[in-house]
């Protein structure tokens, strides 16, 4: 049986540099930089959420990867736990994130909201109820 060291989500963007900066500004991720090819085009980027790394990949026919902008459909997303979901929501909203749902207490024990980044990737942010009670 294999063991797993970690999982790295890969999101595809038309504009990796803009996506990188947006994810840092709006969602508070730590920037990991943007790599460019010899022509200066962004080909890879990274941001970090705590210990988790998220790779930003370019749109490419070779890998059959495209941005949600291509079809106006986001069929997946990422769920991220944060210390204060209400403060996080305000930061994201102020930075221009498209808000799908405002923070709300869920019956399964957390407060969460939904948002989209500048190319339409879906994100959900939440604070588990146990953390809310401690705060």
Protein backbone atom coordinates (compact mmCIF):
# COMPACT_ATOMS: atom_id res chain seq x y z
CA UNK A 1 0.00 0.00 0.00
CA UNK A 2 1.28 3.46 -0.90
CA UNK A 3 1.54 6.25 1.60
CA UNK A 4 0.85 9.83 0.70
CA UNK A 5 3.14 12.69 1.65
CA UNK A 6 0.88 15.51 0.39
CA UNK A 7 -1.57 16.60 -2.27
CA UNK A 8 -0.94 19.68 -4.43
CA UNK A 9 -4.00 21.18 -6.14
CA UNK A 10 -3.37 22.54 -9.66
CA UNK A 11 -5.54 25.36 -10.96
CA UNK A 12 -5.40 26.57 -14.56
CA UNK A 13 -5.33 30.28 -15.38
CA UNK A 14 -5.08 32.39 -18.52
CA UNK A 15 -3.15 35.01 -16.56
CA UNK A 16 -1.00 33.32 -13.91
CA UNK A 17 0.58 36.56 -12.68
CA UNK A 18 -2.77 38.26 -12.12
CA UNK A 19 -4.15 35.11 -10.47
CA UNK A 20 -1.13 34.89 -8.16
CA UNK A 21 -1.51 38.50 -7.05
CA UNK A 22 -5.28 38.18 -6.61
CA UNK A 23 -4.98 35.04 -4.48
CA UNK A 24 -2.44 36.81 -2.26
CA UNK A 25 -4.39 40.08 -2.00
CA UNK A 26 -7.96 38.79 -1.76
CA UNK A 27 -7.59 35.46 0.01
CA UNK A 28 -4.43 36.12 2.03
CA UNK A 29 -2.33 33.28 0.65
CA UNK A 30 1.45 33.55 0.77
CA UNK A 31 2.99 34.23 -2.62
CA UNK A 32 5.31 31.57 -3.96
CA UNK A 33 6.34 33.37 -7.13
CA UNK A 34 5.74 33.10 -10.85
CA UNK A 35 8.08 31.32 -13.29
CA UNK A 36 8.43 32.61 -16.84
CA UNK A 37 9.75 31.11 -20.05
CA UNK A 38 12.43 32.70 -22.27
CA UNK A 39 9.76 34.89 -23.91
CA UNK A 40 8.68 36.24 -20.53
CA UNK A 41 5.34 34.42 -20.47
CA UNK A 42 4.10 33.14 -17.12
CA UNK A 43 4.18 29.35 -17.19
CA UNK A 44 3.86 28.38 -13.50
CA UNK A 45 2.98 30.02 -10.23
CA UNK A 46 2.56 29.01 -6.62
CA UNK A 47 0.73 30.25 -3.58
CA UNK A 48 0.63 28.73 -0.11
CA UNK A 49 -2.18 28.36 2.41
CA UNK A 50 -0.41 27.43 5.62
CA UNK A 51 1.60 24.29 4.80
CA UNK A 52 -0.39 23.58 1.63
CA UNK A 53 0.95 24.56 -1.79
CA UNK A 54 -1.35 25.40 -4.71
CA UNK A 55 0.12 25.34 -8.20
CA UNK A 56 -1.06 27.79 -10.85
CA UNK A 57 -0.78 26.28 -14.32
CA UNK A 58 -1.03 27.97 -17.68
CA UNK A 59 -3.75 27.26 -20.20
CA UNK A 60 -2.28 24.75 -22.62
CA UNK A 61 -3.61 22.58 -25.40
CA UNK A 62 -0.72 20.17 -24.86
CA UNK A 63 -2.01 19.26 -21.40
CA UNK A 64 -5.66 19.87 -22.30
CA UNK A 65 -6.02 22.43 -19.53
CA UNK A 66 -8.21 25.51 -19.65
CA UNK A 67 -9.51 28.19 -17.35
CA UNK A 68 -13.14 28.20 -16.16
CA UNK A 69 -13.41 31.36 -18.29
CA UNK A 70 -13.41 29.14 -21.37
CA UNK A 71 -16.74 27.52 -20.57
CA UNK A 72 -18.20 29.64 -17.76
CA UNK A 73 -18.46 26.48 -15.69
CA UNK A 74 -16.55 25.67 -12.53
CA UNK A 75 -17.02 21.99 -11.74
CA UNK A 76 -14.76 21.82 -8.69
CA UNK A 77 -13.23 24.01 -6.05
CA UNK A 78 -11.10 24.22 -2.96
CA UNK A 79 -12.20 24.35 0.67
CA UNK A 80 -9.92 26.21 3.09
CA UNK A 81 -10.23 26.55 6.85
CA UNK A 82 -9.31 29.98 8.22
CA UNK A 83 -9.10 31.40 11.74
CA UNK A 84 -11.82 34.05 11.27
CA UNK A 85 -14.17 33.42 8.37
CA UNK A 86 -16.01 36.75 8.79
CA UNK A 87 -12.79 38.80 8.61
CA UNK A 88 -11.65 36.68 5.68
CA UNK A 89 -14.95 37.31 3.89
CA UNK A 90 -14.56 41.08 4.35
CA UNK A 91 -11.02 40.99 2.98
CA UNK A 92 -12.03 38.95 -0.08
CA UNK A 93 -15.09 41.14 -0.77
CA UNK A 94 -13.05 44.34 -0.46
CA UNK A 95 -10.43 42.95 -2.88
CA UNK A 96 -13.05 42.23 -5.52
CA UNK A 97 -13.71 38.50 -5.14
CA UNK A 98 -17.04 37.44 -6.62
CA UNK A 99 -19.03 36.34 -3.58
CA UNK A 100 -21.28 33.31 -4.11
CA UNK A 101 -22.57 33.19 -0.53
CA UNK A 102 -22.07 35.23 2.63
CA UNK A 103 -20.81 33.65 5.86
CA UNK A 104 -23.44 31.41 7.39
CA UNK A 105 -23.48 28.87 10.21
CA UNK A 106 -23.87 25.36 8.82
CA UNK A 107 -25.60 22.45 10.59
CA UNK A 108 -22.43 20.36 10.16
CA UNK A 109 -20.46 22.51 12.57
CA UNK A 110 -18.78 25.36 10.77
CA UNK A 111 -19.36 28.89 9.51
CA UNK A 112 -18.52 29.28 5.82
CA UNK A 113 -18.85 31.41 2.70
CA UNK A 114 -18.26 30.86 -1.01
CA UNK A 115 -16.36 32.99 -3.51
CA UNK A 116 -14.78 32.84 -6.95
CA UNK A 117 -11.42 34.15 -8.04
CA UNK A 118 -10.86 36.36 -11.07
CA UNK A 119 -11.10 33.44 -13.53
CA UNK A 120 -14.02 31.69 -11.88
CA UNK A 121 -12.41 28.97 -9.76
CA UNK A 122 -14.68 28.20 -6.80
CA UNK A 123 -13.42 28.64 -3.25
CA UNK A 124 -15.07 28.03 0.09
CA UNK A 125 -13.65 29.35 3.32
CA UNK A 126 -14.77 28.26 6.77
CA UNK A 127 -14.07 28.35 10.45
CA UNK A 128 -15.02 25.18 12.34
CA UNK A 129 -17.47 25.86 15.19
CA UNK A 130 -14.94 24.69 17.81
CA UNK A 131 -12.54 27.45 16.75
CA UNK A 132 -15.33 30.05 16.74
CA UNK A 133 -16.26 29.22 20.36
CA UNK A 134 -12.64 29.58 21.49
CA UNK A 135 -12.20 33.00 19.85
